All heavy atoms as atom14 arrays in JSON, in Angstrom:
{
  "sequence": "FLARSLAFAGSAWLMRDAQAWPWPLSTMAAGSLWPESWPFW",
  "atom14_mask": [
    [1, 1, 1, 1, 1, 1, 1, 1, 1, 1, 1, 0, 0, 0],
    [1, 1, 1, 1, 1, 1, 1, 1, 0, 0, 0, 0, 0, 0],
    [1, 1, 1, 1, 1, 0, 0, 0, 0, 0, 0, 0, 0, 0],
    [1, 1, 1, 1, 1, 1, 1, 1, 1, 1, 1, 0, 0, 0],
    [1, 1, 1, 1, 1, 1, 0, 0, 0, 0, 0, 0, 0, 0],
    [1, 1, 1, 1, 1, 1, 1, 1, 0, 0, 0, 0, 0, 0],
    [1, 1, 1, 1, 1, 0, 0, 0, 0, 0, 0, 0, 0, 0],
    [1, 1, 1, 1, 1, 1, 1, 1, 1, 1, 1, 0, 0, 0],
    [1, 1, 1, 1, 1, 0, 0, 0, 0, 0, 0, 0, 0, 0],
    [1, 1, 1, 1, 0, 0, 0, 0, 0, 0, 0, 0, 0, 0],
    [1, 1, 1, 1, 1, 1, 0, 0, 0, 0, 0, 0, 0, 0],
    [1, 1, 1, 1, 1, 0, 0, 0, 0, 0, 0, 0, 0, 0],
    [1, 1, 1, 1, 1, 1, 1, 1, 1, 1, 1, 1, 1, 1],
    [1, 1, 1, 1, 1, 1, 1, 1, 0, 0, 0, 0, 0, 0],
    [1, 1, 1, 1, 1, 1, 1, 1, 0, 0, 0, 0, 0, 0],
    [1, 1, 1, 1, 1, 1, 1, 1, 1, 1, 1, 0, 0, 0],
    [1, 1, 1, 1, 1, 1, 1, 1, 0, 0, 0, 0, 0, 0],
    [1, 1, 1, 1, 1, 0, 0, 0, 0, 0, 0, 0, 0, 0],
    [1, 1, 1, 1, 1, 1, 1, 1, 1, 0, 0, 0, 0, 0],
    [1, 1, 1, 1, 1, 0, 0, 0, 0, 0, 0, 0, 0, 0],
    [1, 1, 1, 1, 1, 1, 1, 1, 1, 1, 1, 1, 1, 1],
    [1, 1, 1, 1, 1, 1, 1, 0, 0, 0, 0, 0, 0, 0],
    [1, 1, 1, 1, 1, 1, 1, 1, 1, 1, 1, 1, 1, 1],
    [1, 1, 1, 1, 1, 1, 1, 0, 0, 0, 0, 0, 0, 0],
    [1, 1, 1, 1, 1, 1, 1, 1, 0, 0, 0, 0, 0, 0],
    [1, 1, 1, 1, 1, 1, 0, 0, 0, 0, 0, 0, 0, 0],
    [1, 1, 1, 1, 1, 1, 1, 0, 0, 0, 0, 0, 0, 0],
    [1, 1, 1, 1, 1, 1, 1, 1, 0, 0, 0, 0, 0, 0],
    [1, 1, 1, 1, 1, 0, 0, 0, 0, 0, 0, 0, 0, 0],
    [1, 1, 1, 1, 1, 0, 0, 0, 0, 0, 0, 0, 0, 0],
    [1, 1, 1, 1, 0, 0, 0, 0, 0, 0, 0, 0, 0, 0],
    [1, 1, 1, 1, 1, 1, 0, 0, 0, 0, 0, 0, 0, 0],
    [1, 1, 1, 1, 1, 1, 1, 1, 0, 0, 0, 0, 0, 0],
    [1, 1, 1, 1, 1, 1, 1, 1, 1, 1, 1, 1, 1, 1],
    [1, 1, 1, 1, 1, 1, 1, 0, 0, 0, 0, 0, 0, 0],
    [1, 1, 1, 1, 1, 1, 1, 1, 1, 0, 0, 0, 0, 0],
    [1, 1, 1, 1, 1, 1, 0, 0, 0, 0, 0, 0, 0, 0],
    [1, 1, 1, 1, 1, 1, 1, 1, 1, 1, 1, 1, 1, 1],
    [1, 1, 1, 1, 1, 1, 1, 0, 0, 0, 0, 0, 0, 0],
    [1, 1, 1, 1, 1, 1, 1, 1, 1, 1, 1, 0, 0, 0],
    [1, 1, 1, 1, 1, 1, 1, 1, 1, 1, 1, 1, 1, 1]
  ],
  "atom14_positions": [
    [[-131.11, 12.93, -21.76], [-130.94, 13.03, -23.17], [-130.32, 14.36, -23.59], [-129.44, 14.44, -24.5], [-132.35, 12.85, -23.84], [-132.26, 12.73, -25.35], [-132.07, 11.56, -25.99], [-132.38, 13.88, -26.11], [-132.01, 11.45, -27.34], [-132.29, 13.84, -27.53], [-132.13, 12.6, -28.13], [0.0, 0.0, 0.0], [0.0, 0.0, 0.0], [0.0, 0.0, 0.0]],
    [[-130.83, 15.45, -23.07], [-130.33, 16.78, -23.37], [-128.88, 16.94, -22.99], [-128.03, 17.47, -23.71], [-131.24, 17.87, -22.68], [-130.77, 19.29, -22.95], [-130.86, 19.66, -24.44], [-131.64, 20.22, -22.1], [0.0, 0.0, 0.0], [0.0, 0.0, 0.0], [0.0, 0.0, 0.0], [0.0, 0.0, 0.0], [0.0, 0.0, 0.0], [0.0, 0.0, 0.0]],
    [[-128.54, 16.51, -21.75], [-127.19, 16.54, -21.28], [-126.18, 15.88, -22.16], [-125.13, 16.33, -22.54], [-127.06, 16.11, -19.82], [0.0, 0.0, 0.0], [0.0, 0.0, 0.0], [0.0, 0.0, 0.0], [0.0, 0.0, 0.0], [0.0, 0.0, 0.0], [0.0, 0.0, 0.0], [0.0, 0.0, 0.0], [0.0, 0.0, 0.0], [0.0, 0.0, 0.0]],
    [[-126.58, 14.62, -22.62], [-125.62, 13.85, -23.43], [-125.54, 14.45, -24.85], [-124.5, 14.47, -25.45], [-126.19, 12.4, -23.58], [-126.03, 11.62, -22.31], [-126.14, 10.11, -22.47], [-126.36, 9.44, -21.23], [-125.48, 9.21, -20.36], [-124.2, 9.59, -20.52], [-125.73, 8.56, -19.2], [0.0, 0.0, 0.0], [0.0, 0.0, 0.0], [0.0, 0.0, 0.0]],
    [[-126.66, 15.07, -25.34], [-126.64, 15.74, -26.64], [-125.66, 16.93, -26.53], [-124.85, 17.08, -27.47], [-128.07, 16.26, -26.97], [-128.94, 15.19, -27.1], [0.0, 0.0, 0.0], [0.0, 0.0, 0.0], [0.0, 0.0, 0.0], [0.0, 0.0, 0.0], [0.0, 0.0, 0.0], [0.0, 0.0, 0.0], [0.0, 0.0, 0.0], [0.0, 0.0, 0.0]],
    [[-125.74, 17.65, -25.46], [-124.81, 18.82, -25.34], [-123.34, 18.41, -25.2], [-122.47, 18.95, -25.85], [-125.18, 19.62, -24.05], [-126.44, 20.43, -24.15], [-126.81, 20.98, -22.71], [-126.24, 21.6, -25.05], [0.0, 0.0, 0.0], [0.0, 0.0, 0.0], [0.0, 0.0, 0.0], [0.0, 0.0, 0.0], [0.0, 0.0, 0.0], [0.0, 0.0, 0.0]],
    [[-123.18, 17.28, -24.49], [-121.78, 16.77, -24.34], [-121.17, 16.28, -25.65], [-120.13, 16.6, -26.07], [-121.76, 15.61, -23.31], [0.0, 0.0, 0.0], [0.0, 0.0, 0.0], [0.0, 0.0, 0.0], [0.0, 0.0, 0.0], [0.0, 0.0, 0.0], [0.0, 0.0, 0.0], [0.0, 0.0, 0.0], [0.0, 0.0, 0.0], [0.0, 0.0, 0.0]],
    [[-121.98, 15.51, -26.44], [-121.55, 14.99, -27.72], [-121.29, 16.1, -28.66], [-120.3, 16.12, -29.4], [-122.54, 13.96, -28.25], [-122.66, 12.75, -27.42], [-123.94, 12.18, -27.16], [-121.58, 12.12, -26.85], [-124.08, 11.04, -26.38], [-121.69, 10.99, -26.09], [-122.96, 10.45, -25.84], [0.0, 0.0, 0.0], [0.0, 0.0, 0.0], [0.0, 0.0, 0.0]],
    [[-122.28, 17.02, -28.79], [-122.15, 18.16, -29.7], [-120.99, 19.04, -29.38], [-120.21, 19.4, -30.23], [-123.43, 18.98, -29.73], [0.0, 0.0, 0.0], [0.0, 0.0, 0.0], [0.0, 0.0, 0.0], [0.0, 0.0, 0.0], [0.0, 0.0, 0.0], [0.0, 0.0, 0.0], [0.0, 0.0, 0.0], [0.0, 0.0, 0.0], [0.0, 0.0, 0.0]],
    [[-120.79, 19.36, -28.09], [-119.74, 20.23, -27.72], [-118.36, 19.55, -27.92], [-117.4, 20.24, -28.44], [0.0, 0.0, 0.0], [0.0, 0.0, 0.0], [0.0, 0.0, 0.0], [0.0, 0.0, 0.0], [0.0, 0.0, 0.0], [0.0, 0.0, 0.0], [0.0, 0.0, 0.0], [0.0, 0.0, 0.0], [0.0, 0.0, 0.0], [0.0, 0.0, 0.0]],
    [[-118.25, 18.29, -27.57], [-117.0, 17.59, -27.7], [-116.64, 17.42, -29.17], [-115.48, 17.57, -29.61], [-117.04, 16.2, -26.99], [-117.31, 16.36, -25.6], [0.0, 0.0, 0.0], [0.0, 0.0, 0.0], [0.0, 0.0, 0.0], [0.0, 0.0, 0.0], [0.0, 0.0, 0.0], [0.0, 0.0, 0.0], [0.0, 0.0, 0.0], [0.0, 0.0, 0.0]],
    [[-117.64, 17.04, -30.01], [-117.39, 16.88, -31.39], [-117.03, 18.2, -32.09], [-116.21, 18.21, -32.94], [-118.65, 16.33, -32.04], [0.0, 0.0, 0.0], [0.0, 0.0, 0.0], [0.0, 0.0, 0.0], [0.0, 0.0, 0.0], [0.0, 0.0, 0.0], [0.0, 0.0, 0.0], [0.0, 0.0, 0.0], [0.0, 0.0, 0.0], [0.0, 0.0, 0.0]],
    [[-117.59, 19.31, -31.66], [-117.28, 20.66, -32.17], [-115.78, 20.94, -31.84], [-115.05, 21.41, -32.71], [-118.2, 21.72, -31.59], [-117.9, 23.02, -32.13], [-118.27, 23.54, -33.34], [-117.11, 24.13, -31.56], [-117.79, 24.84, -33.52], [-117.08, 25.21, -32.4], [-116.47, 24.16, -30.29], [-116.39, 26.38, -32.1], [-115.79, 25.38, -30.05], [-115.77, 26.38, -30.91]],
    [[-115.39, 20.65, -30.56], [-114.01, 20.87, -30.17], [-113.03, 20.03, -31.02], [-111.92, 20.49, -31.37], [-113.8, 20.55, -28.72], [-114.43, 21.53, -27.72], [-114.34, 21.04, -26.32], [-113.79, 23.0, -27.88], [0.0, 0.0, 0.0], [0.0, 0.0, 0.0], [0.0, 0.0, 0.0], [0.0, 0.0, 0.0], [0.0, 0.0, 0.0], [0.0, 0.0, 0.0]],
    [[-113.46, 18.81, -31.34], [-112.57, 17.86, -32.05], [-113.11, 17.72, -33.52], [-112.81, 16.64, -34.15], [-112.57, 16.53, -31.39], [-112.22, 16.56, -29.88], [-110.51, 17.22, -29.67], [-110.42, 17.31, -27.86], [0.0, 0.0, 0.0], [0.0, 0.0, 0.0], [0.0, 0.0, 0.0], [0.0, 0.0, 0.0], [0.0, 0.0, 0.0], [0.0, 0.0, 0.0]],
    [[-113.68, 18.69, -34.12], [-114.34, 18.57, -35.42], [-113.37, 18.17, -36.47], [-113.75, 17.45, -37.47], [-115.08, 19.84, -35.82], [-114.22, 21.08, -35.77], [-115.11, 22.34, -35.92], [-114.29, 23.55, -35.88], [-113.82, 24.12, -34.78], [-114.02, 23.54, -33.61], [-113.19, 25.26, -34.84], [0.0, 0.0, 0.0], [0.0, 0.0, 0.0], [0.0, 0.0, 0.0]],
    [[-112.09, 18.54, -36.36], [-111.16, 18.16, -37.39], [-110.7, 16.7, -37.29], [-110.11, 16.15, -38.22], [-109.86, 19.01, -37.25], [-110.16, 20.54, -37.56], [-111.1, 20.75, -38.33], [-109.4, 21.36, -37.03], [0.0, 0.0, 0.0], [0.0, 0.0, 0.0], [0.0, 0.0, 0.0], [0.0, 0.0, 0.0], [0.0, 0.0, 0.0], [0.0, 0.0, 0.0]],
    [[-111.09, 16.07, -36.14], [-110.76, 14.61, -36.06], [-111.95, 13.77, -36.38], [-111.86, 12.49, -36.21], [-110.31, 14.4, -34.61], [0.0, 0.0, 0.0], [0.0, 0.0, 0.0], [0.0, 0.0, 0.0], [0.0, 0.0, 0.0], [0.0, 0.0, 0.0], [0.0, 0.0, 0.0], [0.0, 0.0, 0.0], [0.0, 0.0, 0.0], [0.0, 0.0, 0.0]],
    [[-113.01, 14.33, -36.89], [-114.24, 13.56, -37.26], [-114.62, 12.64, -36.09], [-114.72, 11.4, -36.23], [-113.92, 12.71, -38.55], [-113.67, 13.6, -39.71], [-113.48, 12.75, -40.99], [-113.34, 11.53, -40.93], [-113.45, 13.33, -42.14], [0.0, 0.0, 0.0], [0.0, 0.0, 0.0], [0.0, 0.0, 0.0], [0.0, 0.0, 0.0], [0.0, 0.0, 0.0]],
    [[-114.85, 13.26, -34.95], [-115.04, 12.49, -33.75], [-116.47, 12.29, -33.3], [-116.78, 11.89, -32.26], [-114.26, 13.12, -32.59], [0.0, 0.0, 0.0], [0.0, 0.0, 0.0], [0.0, 0.0, 0.0], [0.0, 0.0, 0.0], [0.0, 0.0, 0.0], [0.0, 0.0, 0.0], [0.0, 0.0, 0.0], [0.0, 0.0, 0.0], [0.0, 0.0, 0.0]],
    [[-117.44, 12.64, -34.13], [-118.83, 12.47, -33.77], [-119.31, 11.06, -33.98], [-119.12, 10.43, -34.96], [-119.67, 13.38, -34.57], [-121.16, 13.19, -34.24], [-122.1, 12.43, -34.97], [-121.86, 13.74, -33.17], [-123.3, 12.48, -34.33], [-123.19, 13.23, -33.25], [-121.5, 14.55, -32.06], [-124.15, 13.55, -32.29], [-122.48, 14.85, -31.16], [-123.76, 14.38, -31.26]],
    [[-120.14, 10.47, -33.01], [-120.24, 10.95, -31.64], [-119.32, 10.19, -30.65], [-119.17, 10.6, -29.52], [-121.71, 10.7, -31.27], [-121.94, 9.39, -32.05], [-121.12, 9.43, -33.26], [0.0, 0.0, 0.0], [0.0, 0.0, 0.0], [0.0, 0.0, 0.0], [0.0, 0.0, 0.0], [0.0, 0.0, 0.0], [0.0, 0.0, 0.0], [0.0, 0.0, 0.0]],
    [[-118.76, 9.06, -31.07], [-117.95, 8.25, -30.11], [-117.08, 7.33, -30.93], [-117.5, 6.77, -31.89], [-118.93, 7.4, -29.31], [-118.31, 6.95, -28.03], [-117.3, 6.15, -27.84], [-118.76, 7.33, -26.65], [-117.0, 5.91, -26.52], [-117.91, 6.64, -25.83], [-119.75, 8.16, -26.19], [-117.98, 6.73, -24.45], [-119.81, 8.28, -24.81], [-118.95, 7.57, -23.94]],
    [[-115.9, 7.02, -30.48], [-115.17, 7.59, -29.29], [-114.2, 8.67, -29.81], [-113.78, 8.71, -30.95], [-114.38, 6.4, -28.8], [-114.06, 5.64, -30.03], [-115.26, 5.82, -30.95], [0.0, 0.0, 0.0], [0.0, 0.0, 0.0], [0.0, 0.0, 0.0], [0.0, 0.0, 0.0], [0.0, 0.0, 0.0], [0.0, 0.0, 0.0], [0.0, 0.0, 0.0]],
    [[-113.84, 9.6, -28.99], [-112.86, 10.52, -29.25], [-111.45, 10.01, -29.32], [-110.52, 10.67, -29.67], [-112.94, 11.75, -28.3], [-114.22, 12.56, -28.41], [-114.23, 13.72, -27.45], [-114.4, 13.16, -29.78], [0.0, 0.0, 0.0], [0.0, 0.0, 0.0], [0.0, 0.0, 0.0], [0.0, 0.0, 0.0], [0.0, 0.0, 0.0], [0.0, 0.0, 0.0]],
    [[-111.31, 8.79, -28.86], [-109.96, 8.16, -28.87], [-109.47, 7.92, -30.26], [-108.29, 7.7, -30.45], [-110.02, 6.83, -28.1], [-110.91, 6.02, -28.61], [0.0, 0.0, 0.0], [0.0, 0.0, 0.0], [0.0, 0.0, 0.0], [0.0, 0.0, 0.0], [0.0, 0.0, 0.0], [0.0, 0.0, 0.0], [0.0, 0.0, 0.0], [0.0, 0.0, 0.0]],
    [[-110.34, 8.03, -31.26], [-109.94, 7.83, -32.62], [-109.42, 9.11, -33.26], [-108.95, 9.09, -34.34], [-111.06, 7.29, -33.52], [-112.13, 8.33, -33.45], [-111.67, 6.02, -32.95], [0.0, 0.0, 0.0], [0.0, 0.0, 0.0], [0.0, 0.0, 0.0], [0.0, 0.0, 0.0], [0.0, 0.0, 0.0], [0.0, 0.0, 0.0], [0.0, 0.0, 0.0]],
    [[-109.42, 10.23, -32.49], [-109.1, 11.44, -33.08], [-107.65, 11.64, -33.43], [-107.26, 12.32, -34.45], [-109.49, 12.62, -32.12], [-108.7, 12.67, -30.83], [-109.36, 13.94, -29.75], [-108.26, 13.76, -28.36], [0.0, 0.0, 0.0], [0.0, 0.0, 0.0], [0.0, 0.0, 0.0], [0.0, 0.0, 0.0], [0.0, 0.0, 0.0], [0.0, 0.0, 0.0]],
    [[-106.76, 11.07, -32.7], [-105.33, 11.24, -32.95], [-104.54, 10.23, -32.23], [-104.91, 9.57, -31.23], [-104.9, 12.63, -32.58], [0.0, 0.0, 0.0], [0.0, 0.0, 0.0], [0.0, 0.0, 0.0], [0.0, 0.0, 0.0], [0.0, 0.0, 0.0], [0.0, 0.0, 0.0], [0.0, 0.0, 0.0], [0.0, 0.0, 0.0], [0.0, 0.0, 0.0]],
    [[-103.28, 10.05, -32.65], [-102.41, 9.11, -31.97], [-102.11, 9.48, -30.55], [-101.69, 8.73, -29.72], [-101.16, 8.94, -32.76], [0.0, 0.0, 0.0], [0.0, 0.0, 0.0], [0.0, 0.0, 0.0], [0.0, 0.0, 0.0], [0.0, 0.0, 0.0], [0.0, 0.0, 0.0], [0.0, 0.0, 0.0], [0.0, 0.0, 0.0], [0.0, 0.0, 0.0]],
    [[-102.29, 10.82, -30.28], [-101.93, 11.33, -28.97], [-103.09, 11.25, -27.97], [-103.22, 12.07, -27.03], [0.0, 0.0, 0.0], [0.0, 0.0, 0.0], [0.0, 0.0, 0.0], [0.0, 0.0, 0.0], [0.0, 0.0, 0.0], [0.0, 0.0, 0.0], [0.0, 0.0, 0.0], [0.0, 0.0, 0.0], [0.0, 0.0, 0.0], [0.0, 0.0, 0.0]],
    [[-103.98, 10.32, -28.13], [-105.15, 10.18, -27.22], [-104.69, 9.97, -25.81], [-103.73, 9.29, -25.53], [-106.03, 9.01, -27.63], [-107.0, 8.77, -26.71], [0.0, 0.0, 0.0], [0.0, 0.0, 0.0], [0.0, 0.0, 0.0], [0.0, 0.0, 0.0], [0.0, 0.0, 0.0], [0.0, 0.0, 0.0], [0.0, 0.0, 0.0], [0.0, 0.0, 0.0]],
    [[-105.41, 10.57, -24.85], [-105.03, 10.48, -23.46], [-105.37, 9.14, -22.83], [-104.85, 8.77, -21.79], [-105.74, 11.54, -22.65], [-105.42, 13.01, -22.96], [-106.29, 14.01, -22.18], [-103.92, 13.31, -22.66], [0.0, 0.0, 0.0], [0.0, 0.0, 0.0], [0.0, 0.0, 0.0], [0.0, 0.0, 0.0], [0.0, 0.0, 0.0], [0.0, 0.0, 0.0]],
    [[-106.2, 8.37, -23.5], [-106.71, 7.15, -22.91], [-105.82, 5.95, -23.34], [-105.52, 5.8, -24.49], [-108.12, 6.9, -23.29], [-108.75, 5.79, -22.47], [-108.94, 4.47, -22.8], [-109.16, 5.89, -21.06], [-109.51, 3.74, -21.76], [-109.62, 4.6, -20.72], [-109.16, 6.94, -20.22], [-110.15, 4.38, -19.44], [-109.67, 6.68, -18.93], [-110.13, 5.42, -18.54]],
    [[-105.4, 5.12, -22.4], [-104.53, 3.94, -22.59], [-105.32, 2.78, -23.27], [-105.59, 1.77, -22.6], [-103.92, 3.59, -21.28], [-104.99, 4.02, -20.35], [-105.64, 5.25, -20.91], [0.0, 0.0, 0.0], [0.0, 0.0, 0.0], [0.0, 0.0, 0.0], [0.0, 0.0, 0.0], [0.0, 0.0, 0.0], [0.0, 0.0, 0.0], [0.0, 0.0, 0.0]],
    [[-105.75, 2.9, -24.54], [-106.54, 1.92, -25.16], [-105.88, 0.54, -25.19], [-106.57, -0.54, -25.34], [-106.95, 2.28, -26.56], [-108.04, 3.36, -26.59], [-108.54, 3.51, -28.0], [-108.04, 4.4, -28.77], [-109.47, 2.81, -28.41], [0.0, 0.0, 0.0], [0.0, 0.0, 0.0], [0.0, 0.0, 0.0], [0.0, 0.0, 0.0], [0.0, 0.0, 0.0]],
    [[-104.53, 0.55, -25.24], [-103.83, -0.77, -25.43], [-103.79, -1.55, -24.11], [-103.37, -2.72, -24.13], [-102.41, -0.5, -25.91], [-101.69, 0.33, -25.01], [0.0, 0.0, 0.0], [0.0, 0.0, 0.0], [0.0, 0.0, 0.0], [0.0, 0.0, 0.0], [0.0, 0.0, 0.0], [0.0, 0.0, 0.0], [0.0, 0.0, 0.0], [0.0, 0.0, 0.0]],
    [[-104.15, -0.96, -23.01], [-104.11, -1.67, -21.67], [-105.26, -2.68, -21.64], [-106.23, -2.53, -22.36], [-104.22, -0.63, -20.54], [-103.06, 0.31, -20.46], [-102.04, 0.44, -21.36], [-102.73, 1.12, -19.35], [-101.11, 1.35, -20.93], [-101.52, 1.78, -19.71], [-103.36, 1.47, -18.16], [-100.93, 2.76, -18.85], [-102.78, 2.42, -17.31], [-101.59, 3.04, -17.66]],
    [[-105.08, -3.66, -20.72], [-106.16, -4.64, -20.55], [-107.55, -3.98, -20.25], [-107.58, -2.87, -19.49], [-105.7, -5.48, -19.36], [-104.2, -5.4, -19.5], [-103.95, -4.0, -19.88], [0.0, 0.0, 0.0], [0.0, 0.0, 0.0], [0.0, 0.0, 0.0], [0.0, 0.0, 0.0], [0.0, 0.0, 0.0], [0.0, 0.0, 0.0], [0.0, 0.0, 0.0]],
    [[-108.56, -4.56, -20.74], [-109.95, -3.97, -20.55], [-110.27, -3.72, -19.09], [-110.8, -2.64, -18.8], [-110.98, -4.86, -21.16], [-112.37, -4.32, -21.08], [-112.79, -3.37, -21.97], [-113.25, -4.64, -20.07], [-114.15, -2.89, -21.96], [-114.53, -4.17, -19.95], [-114.99, -3.24, -20.91], [0.0, 0.0, 0.0], [0.0, 0.0, 0.0], [0.0, 0.0, 0.0]],
    [[-109.97, -4.63, -18.23], [-110.34, -4.51, -16.83], [-109.6, -3.33, -16.11], [-110.16, -2.69, -15.26], [-110.19, -5.85, -16.0], [-108.71, -6.21, -15.81], [-107.92, -6.94, -16.62], [-107.95, -5.85, -14.64], [-106.67, -7.12, -16.08], [-106.61, -6.45, -14.86], [-108.14, -5.08, -13.5], [-105.55, -6.26, -14.02], [-107.11, -4.95, -12.58], [-105.85, -5.51, -12.87]]
  ]
}
């Protein structure tokens, strides 16, 4: 619980301008690193 809290708080702080709390950070910008359009599998 503590580790996930730290991860979410730290990541959200880094991406605070993208309103990314707490999930997912893929919504932060069009330049997301994750290929969301690819098939789920």
